[in-house]
Structures are given as structure tokens and as C-alpha cells.
Amino acid sequence: MALNGIQIFKLTPKKNCKECGSPTCMAFSMKVAQGAVDINACPYFSEDAKAQLSEATAPVSYTHL
């Protein structure tokens, strides 16, 4: 299940540094949710947060069927 912008925003460092090209972390999060920007565009996104995002967006396996 894809995360929405608010869920992604909760994982950001909330610095609003603009280094990712977006004016705020919220704007960046919305772009990530839309697939317009890669999460790695944020130089301050922690590895733990990236792991949480990756886990939340991983495809579901149906091998048990």
C-alpha cells in the first residue's frame, strides 16, 4: 500500500532546508507520494526512515495461496 504525503512527512527531518528542491518538507513529501521525486533527493532523510518507507511500500507476496 502506498503512503500518502502526510505519512511520508512524518518520516522527514522537518528541516525545510530546500536542499531537495522543494520549499518545505511537506511539499517534498507530497511529491514523493505522487512518485514525482525520489526519497533520496533529501540529504537528511535517515536510513531508518528510508527503511520504514521501503517496508510500507513493499509489494505484498501471495506465494501462500
PDB file of N, CA and C in Angstrom:
ATOM      1  N   MET A   1       0.844  -1.186   0.000  1.00  0.00           N
ATOM      2  CA  MET A   1       0.000   0.000   0.000  1.00  0.00           C
ATOM      3  C   MET A   1       0.885   1.243   0.000  1.00  0.00           C
ATOM      4  N   ALA A   2       0.605   2.145  -0.875  1.00  0.00           N
ATOM      5  CA  ALA A   2       1.384   3.373  -0.972  1.00  0.00           C
ATOM      6  C   ALA A   2       1.052   4.314   0.190  1.00  0.00           C
ATOM      7  N   LEU A   3       2.060   5.031   0.617  1.00  0.00           N
ATOM      8  CA  LEU A   3       1.858   6.004   1.679  1.00  0.00           C
ATOM      9  C   LEU A   3       1.410   7.325   1.075  1.00  0.00           C
ATOM     10  N   ASN A   4       0.644   8.083   1.832  1.00  0.00           N
ATOM     11  CA  ASN A   4       0.263   9.403   1.356  1.00  0.00           C
ATOM     12  C   ASN A   4       1.284  10.435   1.853  1.00  0.00           C
ATOM     13  N   GLY A   5       1.148  11.661   1.391  1.00  0.00           N
ATOM     14  CA  GLY A   5       2.094  12.717   1.720  1.00  0.00           C
ATOM     15  C   GLY A   5       2.249  12.968   3.218  1.00  0.00           C
ATOM     16  N   ILE A   6       1.161  12.892   3.951  1.00  0.00           N
ATOM     17  CA  ILE A   6       1.213  13.124   5.405  1.00  0.00           C
ATOM     18  C   ILE A   6       2.019  12.026   6.091  1.00  0.00           C
ATOM     19  N   GLN A   7       1.802  10.783   5.667  1.00  0.00           N
ATOM     20  CA  GLN A   7       2.543   9.668   6.267  1.00  0.00           C
ATOM     21  C   GLN A   7       4.038   9.789   5.976  1.00  0.00           C
ATOM     22  N   ILE A   8       4.378  10.193   4.771  1.00  0.00           N
ATOM     23  CA  ILE A   8       5.783  10.383   4.412  1.00  0.00           C
ATOM     24  C   ILE A   8       6.362  11.565   5.181  1.00  0.00           C
ATOM     25  N   PHE A   9       5.585  12.640   5.293  1.00  0.00           N
ATOM     26  CA  PHE A   9       6.041  13.831   6.020  1.00  0.00           C
ATOM     27  C   PHE A   9       6.436  13.489   7.455  1.00  0.00           C
ATOM     28  N   LYS A  10       5.711  12.600   8.081  1.00  0.00           N
ATOM     29  CA  LYS A  10       6.012  12.212   9.462  1.00  0.00           C
ATOM     30  C   LYS A  10       7.403  11.581   9.584  1.00  0.00           C
ATOM     31  N   LEU A  11       7.934  11.050   8.470  1.00  0.00           N
ATOM     32  CA  LEU A  11       9.255  10.420   8.479  1.00  0.00           C
ATOM     33  C   LEU A  11      10.379  11.397   8.134  1.00  0.00           C
ATOM     34  N   THR A  12      10.033  12.585   7.666  1.00  0.00           N
ATOM     35  CA  THR A  12      11.057  13.556   7.247  1.00  0.00           C
ATOM     36  C   THR A  12      11.725  14.207   8.456  1.00  0.00           C
ATOM     37  N   PRO A  13      12.894  14.817   8.239  1.00  0.00           N
ATOM     38  CA  PRO A  13      13.573  15.508   9.345  1.00  0.00           C
ATOM     39  C   PRO A  13      12.944  16.860   9.688  1.00  0.00           C
ATOM     40  N   LYS A  14      12.021  17.342   8.850  1.00  0.00           N
ATOM     41  CA  LYS A  14      11.298  18.605   9.078  1.00  0.00           C
ATOM     42  C   LYS A  14      12.247  19.794   9.214  1.00  0.00           C
ATOM     43  N   LYS A  15      13.263  19.842   8.357  1.00  0.00           N
ATOM     44  CA  LYS A  15      14.234  20.934   8.378  1.00  0.00           C
ATOM     45  C   LYS A  15      13.825  22.103   7.468  1.00  0.00           C
ATOM     46  N   ASN A  16      13.011  21.808   6.432  1.00  0.00           N
ATOM     47  CA  ASN A  16      12.639  22.817   5.436  1.00  0.00           C
ATOM     48  C   ASN A  16      13.865  23.531   4.866  1.00  0.00           C
ATOM     49  N   CYS A  17      14.912  22.757   4.587  1.00  0.00           N
ATOM     50  CA  CYS A  17      16.193  23.318   4.136  1.00  0.00           C
ATOM     51  C   CYS A  17      16.214  23.673   2.652  1.00  0.00           C
ATOM     52  N   LYS A  18      15.276  23.133   1.881  1.00  0.00           N
ATOM     53  CA  LYS A  18      15.162  23.365   0.444  1.00  0.00           C
ATOM     54  C   LYS A  18      16.253  22.689  -0.380  1.00  0.00           C
ATOM     55  N   GLU A  19      17.118  21.901   0.230  1.00  0.00           N
ATOM     56  CA  GLU A  19      18.205  21.243  -0.494  1.00  0.00           C
ATOM     57  C   GLU A  19      17.691  20.179  -1.464  1.00  0.00           C
ATOM     58  N   CYS A  20      16.475  19.707  -1.259  1.00  0.00           N
ATOM     59  CA  CYS A  20      15.882  18.695  -2.135  1.00  0.00           C
ATOM     60  C   CYS A  20      15.246  19.316  -3.373  1.00  0.00           C
ATOM     61  N   GLY A  21      15.123  20.635  -3.370  1.00  0.00           N
ATOM     62  CA  GLY A  21      14.488  21.324  -4.481  1.00  0.00           C
ATOM     63  C   GLY A  21      13.055  21.739  -4.182  1.00  0.00           C
ATOM     64  N   SER A  22      12.530  21.326  -3.058  1.00  0.00           N
ATOM     65  CA  SER A  22      11.173  21.700  -2.652  1.00  0.00           C
ATOM     66  C   SER A  22      11.256  22.771  -1.566  1.00  0.00           C
ATOM     67  N   PRO A  23      10.245  23.631  -1.485  1.00  0.00           N
ATOM     68  CA  PRO A  23      10.289  24.705  -0.491  1.00  0.00           C
ATOM     69  C   PRO A  23      10.128  24.245   0.954  1.00  0.00           C
ATOM     70  N   THR A  24       9.452  23.110   1.151  1.00  0.00           N
ATOM     71  CA  THR A  24       9.230  22.590   2.505  1.00  0.00           C
ATOM     72  C   THR A  24       9.278  21.063   2.491  1.00  0.00           C
ATOM     73  N   CYS A  25       9.422  20.495   3.657  1.00  0.00           N
ATOM     74  CA  CYS A  25       9.386  19.027   3.767  1.00  0.00           C
ATOM     75  C   CYS A  25       8.006  18.491   3.403  1.00  0.00           C
ATOM     76  N   MET A  26       6.969  19.252   3.674  1.00  0.00           N
ATOM     77  CA  MET A  26       5.620  18.827   3.304  1.00  0.00           C
ATOM     78  C   MET A  26       5.485  18.768   1.783  1.00  0.00           C
ATOM     79  N   ALA A  27       5.966  19.782   1.093  1.00  0.00           N
ATOM     80  CA  ALA A  27       5.905  19.797  -0.375  1.00  0.00           C
ATOM     81  C   ALA A  27       6.707  18.627  -0.943  1.00  0.00           C
ATOM     82  N   PHE A  28       7.872  18.382  -0.368  1.00  0.00           N
ATOM     83  CA  PHE A  28       8.706  17.255  -0.786  1.00  0.00           C
ATOM     84  C   PHE A  28       7.955  15.943  -0.590  1.00  0.00           C
ATOM     85  N   SER A  29       7.320  15.778   0.550  1.00  0.00           N
ATOM     86  CA  SER A  29       6.580  14.554   0.871  1.00  0.00           C
ATOM     87  C   SER A  29       5.445  14.322  -0.114  1.00  0.00           C
ATOM     88  N   MET A  30       4.760  15.370  -0.488  1.00  0.00           N
ATOM     89  CA  MET A  30       3.661  15.241  -1.444  1.00  0.00           C
ATOM     90  C   MET A  30       4.192  14.795  -2.804  1.00  0.00           C
ATOM     91  N   LYS A  31       5.340  15.326  -3.208  1.00  0.00           N
ATOM     92  CA  LYS A  31       5.943  14.932  -4.484  1.00  0.00           C
ATOM     93  C   LYS A  31       6.396  13.479  -4.452  1.00  0.00           C
ATOM     94  N   VAL A  32       6.947  13.053  -3.322  1.00  0.00           N
ATOM     95  CA  VAL A  32       7.361  11.652  -3.181  1.00  0.00           C
ATOM     96  C   VAL A  32       6.140  10.741  -3.270  1.00  0.00           C
ATOM     97  N   ALA A  33       5.056  11.115  -2.612  1.00  0.00           N
ATOM     98  CA  ALA A  33       3.833  10.317  -2.620  1.00  0.00           C
ATOM     99  C   ALA A  33       3.269  10.174  -4.037  1.00  0.00           C
ATOM    100  N   GLN A  34       3.450  11.203  -4.850  1.00  0.00           N
ATOM    101  CA  GLN A  34       2.963  11.184  -6.235  1.00  0.00           C
ATOM    102  C   GLN A  34       3.923  10.449  -7.167  1.00  0.00           C
ATOM    103  N   GLY A  35       5.116  10.139  -6.664  1.00  0.00           N
ATOM    104  CA  GLY A  35       6.109   9.466  -7.498  1.00  0.00           C
ATOM    105  C   GLY A  35       6.913  10.418  -8.359  1.00  0.00           C
ATOM    106  N   ALA A  36       6.788  11.721  -8.112  1.00  0.00           N
ATOM    107  CA  ALA A  36       7.479  12.726  -8.914  1.00  0.00           C
ATOM    108  C   ALA A  36       8.918  12.954  -8.466  1.00  0.00           C
ATOM    109  N   VAL A  37       9.239  12.573  -7.231  1.00  0.00           N
ATOM    110  CA  VAL A  37      10.575  12.796  -6.670  1.00  0.00           C
ATOM    111  C   VAL A  37      11.000  11.538  -5.916  1.00  0.00           C
ATOM    112  N   ASP A  38      12.275  11.216  -6.008  1.00  0.00           N
ATOM    113  CA  ASP A  38      12.823  10.083  -5.265  1.00  0.00           C
ATOM    114  C   ASP A  38      13.149  10.526  -3.842  1.00  0.00           C
ATOM    115  N   ILE A  39      12.927   9.652  -2.903  1.00  0.00           N
ATOM    116  CA  ILE A  39      13.172   9.969  -1.494  1.00  0.00           C
ATOM    117  C   ILE A  39      14.630  10.339  -1.239  1.00  0.00           C
ATOM    118  N   ASN A  40      15.525   9.830  -2.066  1.00  0.00           N
ATOM    119  CA  ASN A  40      16.948  10.117  -1.899  1.00  0.00           C
ATOM    120  C   ASN A  40      17.321  11.548  -2.255  1.00  0.00           C
ATOM    121  N   ALA A  41      16.370  12.323  -2.763  1.00  0.00           N
ATOM    122  CA  ALA A  41      16.623  13.737  -3.048  1.00  0.00           C
ATOM    123  C   ALA A  41      16.823  14.526  -1.758  1.00  0.00           C
ATOM    124  N   CYS A  42      16.341  13.987  -0.659  1.00  0.00           N
ATOM    125  CA  CYS A  42      16.525  14.633   0.649  1.00  0.00           C
ATOM    126  C   CYS A  42      17.811  14.122   1.269  1.00  0.00           C
ATOM    127  N   PRO A  43      18.798  15.005   1.448  1.00  0.00           N
ATOM    128  CA  PRO A  43      20.071  14.563   2.027  1.00  0.00           C
ATOM    129  C   PRO A  43      19.997  14.236   3.517  1.00  0.00           C
ATOM    130  N   TYR A  44      18.901  14.571   4.167  1.00  0.00           N
ATOM    131  CA  TYR A  44      18.788  14.368   5.612  1.00  0.00           C
ATOM    132  C   TYR A  44      17.823  13.258   5.994  1.00  0.00           C
ATOM    133  N   PHE A  45      17.227  12.588   5.021  1.00  0.00           N
ATOM    134  CA  PHE A  45      16.296  11.500   5.303  1.00  0.00           C
ATOM    135  C   PHE A  45      17.100  10.350   5.897  1.00  0.00           C
ATOM    136  N   SER A  46      16.785   9.951   7.107  1.00  0.00           N
ATOM    137  CA  SER A  46      17.569   8.924   7.802  1.00  0.00           C
ATOM    138  C   SER A  46      17.413   7.556   7.149  1.00  0.00           C
ATOM    139  N   GLU A  47      18.407   6.720   7.348  1.00  0.00           N
ATOM    140  CA  GLU A  47      18.345   5.349   6.827  1.00  0.00           C
ATOM    141  C   GLU A  47      17.185   4.588   7.464  1.00  0.00           C
ATOM    142  N   ASP A  48      16.916   4.860   8.730  1.00  0.00           N
ATOM    143  CA  ASP A  48      15.797   4.216   9.413  1.00  0.00           C
ATOM    144  C   ASP A  48      14.471   4.617   8.762  1.00  0.00           C
ATOM    145  N   ALA A  49      14.321   5.904   8.463  1.00  0.00           N
ATOM    146  CA  ALA A  49      13.100   6.385   7.818  1.00  0.00           C
ATOM    147  C   ALA A  49      12.964   5.795   6.421  1.00  0.00           C
ATOM    148  N   LYS A  50      14.080   5.692   5.692  1.00  0.00           N
ATOM    149  CA  LYS A  50      14.054   5.080   4.353  1.00  0.00           C
ATOM    150  C   LYS A  50      13.623   3.621   4.453  1.00  0.00           C
ATOM    151  N   ALA A  51      14.097   2.927   5.477  1.00  0.00           N
ATOM    152  CA  ALA A  51      13.724   1.524   5.673  1.00  0.00           C
ATOM    153  C   ALA A  51      12.232   1.404   5.975  1.00  0.00           C
ATOM    154  N   GLN A  52      11.712   2.302   6.794  1.00  0.00           N
ATOM    155  CA  GLN A  52      10.283   2.290   7.113  1.00  0.00           C
ATOM    156  C   GLN A  52       9.456   2.549   5.861  1.00  0.00           C
ATOM    157  N   LEU A  53       9.902   3.480   5.045  1.00  0.00           N
ATOM    158  CA  LEU A  53       9.201   3.800   3.809  1.00  0.00           C
ATOM    159  C   LEU A  53       9.246   2.614   2.849  1.00  0.00           C
ATOM    160  N   SER A  54      10.390   1.990   2.743  1.00  0.00           N
ATOM    161  CA  SER A  54      10.553   0.841   1.864  1.00  0.00           C
ATOM    162  C   SER A  54       9.655  -0.312   2.305  1.00  0.00           C
ATOM    163  N   GLU A  55       9.608  -0.550   3.603  1.00  0.00           N
ATOM    164  CA  GLU A  55       8.777  -1.624   4.161  1.00  0.00           C
ATOM    165  C   GLU A  55       7.302  -1.355   3.909  1.00  0.00           C
ATOM    166  N   ALA A  56       6.906  -0.100   4.048  1.00  0.00           N
ATOM    167  CA  ALA A  56       5.495   0.257   3.877  1.00  0.00           C
ATOM    168  C   ALA A  56       5.052   0.184   2.425  1.00  0.00           C
ATOM    169  N   THR A  57       5.978   0.306   1.496  1.00  0.00           N
ATOM    170  CA  THR A  57       5.618   0.304   0.082  1.00  0.00           C
ATOM    171  C   THR A  57       6.001  -0.987  -0.625  1.00  0.00           C
ATOM    172  N   ALA A  58       6.509  -1.961   0.114  1.00  0.00           N
ATOM    173  CA  ALA A  58       6.906  -3.235  -0.490  1.00  0.00           C
ATOM    174  C   ALA A  58       5.681  -3.968  -1.027  1.00  0.00           C
ATOM    175  N   PRO A  59       5.848  -4.640  -2.149  1.00  0.00           N
ATOM    176  CA  PRO A  59       4.707  -5.387  -2.695  1.00  0.00           C
ATOM    177  C   PRO A  59       4.329  -6.555  -1.785  1.00  0.00           C
ATOM    178  N   VAL A  60       3.073  -6.873  -1.771  1.00  0.00           N
ATOM    179  CA  VAL A  60       2.571  -7.980  -0.959  1.00  0.00           C
ATOM    180  C   VAL A  60       2.823  -9.282  -1.710  1.00  0.00           C
ATOM    181  N   SER A  61       3.313 -10.266  -1.005  1.00  0.00           N
ATOM    182  CA  SER A  61       3.569 -11.565  -1.612  1.00  0.00           C
ATOM    183  C   SER A  61       2.361 -12.471  -1.425  1.00  0.00           C
ATOM    184  N   TYR A  62       1.964 -13.121  -2.501  1.00  0.00           N
ATOM    185  CA  TYR A  62       0.824 -14.023  -2.435  1.00  0.00           C
ATOM    186  C   TYR A  62       1.263 -15.465  -2.670  1.00  0.00           C
ATOM    187  N   THR A  63       2.477 -15.805  -2.280  1.00  0.00           N
ATOM    188  CA  THR A  63       3.000 -17.146  -2.514  1.00  0.00           C
ATOM    189  C   THR A  63       2.304 -18.211  -1.677  1.00  0.00           C
ATOM    190  N   HIS A  64       1.610 -17.803  -0.628  1.00  0.00           N
ATOM    191  CA  HIS A  64       0.954 -18.765   0.244  1.00  0.00           C
ATOM    192  C   HIS A  64      -0.388 -19.266  -0.312  1.00  0.00           C
ATOM    193  N   LEU A  65      -0.806 -18.744  -1.445  1.00  0.00           N
ATOM    194  CA  LEU A  65      -2.106 -19.157  -2.000  1.00  0.00           C
ATOM    195  C   LEU A  65      -2.075 -20.515  -2.561  1.00  0.00           C
TER     196      LEU A  65
END
